[in-house]
């Protein structure tokens, strides 16, 4: 599990940190916004609230630098992760 310091380095608000941890480590389905970000769907900006818009770039940076590409980047990867094993998703 990533430390609070890692999330802070990317300026990830607690709301998204908690949701990412739920997805990555417990296989909890993410919100529609985070699901779209995880899929690489640019339409995430259409459903983002102000907080989400302010951190979307940092969310993508965090995923790109800290999270295994096996659990994000396409709908298939997300579905596979949600139905499979959890706990080894960070780089």
C-alpha atoms as a PDB file:
ATOM      1  CA  UNK A   1       0.000   0.000   0.000  1.00  0.00           C
ATOM      2  CA  UNK A   2       1.263   3.464  -0.836  1.00  0.00           C
ATOM      3  CA  UNK A   3       2.106   5.806   1.986  1.00  0.00           C
ATOM      4  CA  UNK A   4       0.303   9.069   2.579  1.00  0.00           C
ATOM      5  CA  UNK A   5       3.550  10.753   1.554  1.00  0.00           C
ATOM      6  CA  UNK A   6       3.409   9.134  -1.915  1.00  0.00           C
ATOM      7  CA  UNK A   7      -0.109  10.434  -2.468  1.00  0.00           C
ATOM      8  CA  UNK A   8       0.886  13.853  -1.154  1.00  0.00           C
ATOM      9  CA  UNK A   9       3.783  13.929  -3.608  1.00  0.00           C
ATOM     10  CA  UNK A  10       1.217  13.803  -6.387  1.00  0.00           C
ATOM     11  CA  UNK A  11      -1.269  16.082  -4.607  1.00  0.00           C
ATOM     12  CA  UNK A  12      -4.003  13.436  -4.535  1.00  0.00           C
ATOM     13  CA  UNK A  13      -6.908  14.456  -2.287  1.00  0.00           C
ATOM     14  CA  UNK A  14      -8.001  11.988   0.412  1.00  0.00           C
ATOM     15  CA  UNK A  15     -11.261  11.301  -1.422  1.00  0.00           C
ATOM     16  CA  UNK A  16      -9.392   9.837  -4.399  1.00  0.00           C
ATOM     17  CA  UNK A  17      -6.624   8.262  -2.329  1.00  0.00           C
ATOM     18  CA  UNK A  18      -9.203   6.243  -0.420  1.00  0.00           C
ATOM     19  CA  UNK A  19     -11.023   5.281  -3.597  1.00  0.00           C
ATOM     20  CA  UNK A  20      -7.778   4.239  -5.317  1.00  0.00           C
ATOM     21  CA  UNK A  21      -6.804   2.112  -2.326  1.00  0.00           C
ATOM     22  CA  UNK A  22     -10.207   0.452  -2.386  1.00  0.00           C
ATOM     23  CA  UNK A  23      -9.812  -0.365  -6.061  1.00  0.00           C
ATOM     24  CA  UNK A  24      -6.158  -1.398  -5.950  1.00  0.00           C
ATOM     25  CA  UNK A  25      -6.052  -3.382  -2.721  1.00  0.00           C
ATOM     26  CA  UNK A  26      -9.594  -4.559  -2.067  1.00  0.00           C
ATOM     27  CA  UNK A  27     -11.034  -4.805  -5.570  1.00  0.00           C
ATOM     28  CA  UNK A  28     -13.778  -2.265  -4.883  1.00  0.00           C
ATOM     29  CA  UNK A  29     -15.401  -0.817  -8.012  1.00  0.00           C
ATOM     30  CA  UNK A  30     -14.386   2.824  -8.530  1.00  0.00           C
ATOM     31  CA  UNK A  31     -16.761   5.730  -9.129  1.00  0.00           C
ATOM     32  CA  UNK A  32     -17.659   6.575 -12.717  1.00  0.00           C
ATOM     33  CA  UNK A  33     -15.094   9.380 -12.760  1.00  0.00           C
ATOM     34  CA  UNK A  34     -12.225   7.292 -11.425  1.00  0.00           C
ATOM     35  CA  UNK A  35     -13.251   4.375 -13.604  1.00  0.00           C
ATOM     36  CA  UNK A  36     -12.985   6.612 -16.660  1.00  0.00           C
ATOM     37  CA  UNK A  37      -9.566   7.864 -15.527  1.00  0.00           C
ATOM     38  CA  UNK A  38      -8.401   4.296 -14.959  1.00  0.00           C
ATOM     39  CA  UNK A  39      -9.622   3.358 -18.439  1.00  0.00           C
ATOM     40  CA  UNK A  40      -7.814   6.299 -20.019  1.00  0.00           C
ATOM     41  CA  UNK A  41     -11.144   7.732 -21.166  1.00  0.00           C
ATOM     42  CA  UNK A  42     -10.756  11.456 -21.795  1.00  0.00           C
ATOM     43  CA  UNK A  43     -14.491  11.905 -21.245  1.00  0.00           C
ATOM     44  CA  UNK A  44     -13.695  11.781 -17.522  1.00  0.00           C
ATOM     45  CA  UNK A  45     -13.391  15.552 -17.727  1.00  0.00           C
ATOM     46  CA  UNK A  46     -17.091  15.716 -18.630  1.00  0.00           C
ATOM     47  CA  UNK A  47     -18.198  14.094 -15.365  1.00  0.00           C
ATOM     48  CA  UNK A  48     -15.536  15.600 -13.096  1.00  0.00           C
ATOM     49  CA  UNK A  49     -16.477  18.015 -10.329  1.00  0.00           C
ATOM     50  CA  UNK A  50     -14.161  20.916  -9.454  1.00  0.00           C
ATOM     51  CA  UNK A  51     -11.986  18.853  -7.093  1.00  0.00           C
ATOM     52  CA  UNK A  52     -11.622  16.081  -9.671  1.00  0.00           C
ATOM     53  CA  UNK A  53     -10.731  18.579 -12.399  1.00  0.00           C
ATOM     54  CA  UNK A  54      -8.081  20.123 -10.176  1.00  0.00           C
ATOM     55  CA  UNK A  55      -6.289  16.807  -9.694  1.00  0.00           C
ATOM     56  CA  UNK A  56      -6.942  14.768 -12.856  1.00  0.00           C
ATOM     57  CA  UNK A  57      -3.428  15.352 -14.205  1.00  0.00           C
ATOM     58  CA  UNK A  58      -1.912  14.291 -10.887  1.00  0.00           C
ATOM     59  CA  UNK A  59      -4.092  11.178 -10.794  1.00  0.00           C
ATOM     60  CA  UNK A  60      -2.791  10.151 -14.207  1.00  0.00           C
ATOM     61  CA  UNK A  61       0.803  10.939 -13.183  1.00  0.00           C
ATOM     62  CA  UNK A  62       0.367   8.820 -10.072  1.00  0.00           C
ATOM     63  CA  UNK A  63      -1.057   5.910 -12.042  1.00  0.00           C
ATOM     64  CA  UNK A  64       1.670   6.149 -14.669  1.00  0.00           C
ATOM     65  CA  UNK A  65       4.528   6.320 -12.176  1.00  0.00           C
ATOM     66  CA  UNK A  66       3.357   4.247  -9.230  1.00  0.00           C
ATOM     67  CA  UNK A  67       0.755   1.699 -10.355  1.00  0.00           C
ATOM     68  CA  UNK A  68       1.270  -1.397 -12.474  1.00  0.00           C
ATOM     69  CA  UNK A  69      -0.128  -0.984 -15.968  1.00  0.00           C
ATOM     70  CA  UNK A  70      -1.794  -4.375 -15.540  1.00  0.00           C
ATOM     71  CA  UNK A  71      -4.623  -2.781 -13.517  1.00  0.00           C
ATOM     72  CA  UNK A  72      -5.355   0.380 -15.473  1.00  0.00           C
ATOM     73  CA  UNK A  73      -5.393   1.665 -19.044  1.00  0.00           C
ATOM     74  CA  UNK A  74      -8.351  -0.206 -20.512  1.00  0.00           C
ATOM     75  CA  UNK A  75     -11.784  -1.483 -19.543  1.00  0.00           C
ATOM     76  CA  UNK A  76     -10.532  -5.076 -19.891  1.00  0.00           C
ATOM     77  CA  UNK A  77      -7.693  -4.511 -17.412  1.00  0.00           C
ATOM     78  CA  UNK A  78     -10.073  -2.971 -14.889  1.00  0.00           C
ATOM     79  CA  UNK A  79     -12.590  -5.803 -15.233  1.00  0.00           C
ATOM     80  CA  UNK A  80      -9.832  -8.388 -14.882  1.00  0.00           C
ATOM     81  CA  UNK A  81      -8.546  -6.670 -11.752  1.00  0.00           C
ATOM     82  CA  UNK A  82     -12.002  -6.374 -10.205  1.00  0.00           C
ATOM     83  CA  UNK A  83     -12.635 -10.083 -10.688  1.00  0.00           C
ATOM     84  CA  UNK A  84      -9.112 -11.253  -9.818  1.00  0.00           C
ATOM     85  CA  UNK A  85      -6.476 -11.107  -7.110  1.00  0.00           C
ATOM     86  CA  UNK A  86      -5.508  -7.883  -5.348  1.00  0.00           C
ATOM     87  CA  UNK A  87      -2.581  -6.533  -3.388  1.00  0.00           C
ATOM     88  CA  UNK A  88       0.270  -6.420  -5.894  1.00  0.00           C
ATOM     89  CA  UNK A  89      -0.788  -3.519  -8.033  1.00  0.00           C
ATOM     90  CA  UNK A  90       1.846  -0.867  -7.371  1.00  0.00           C
ATOM     91  CA  UNK A  91       5.161  -0.667  -9.165  1.00  0.00           C
END
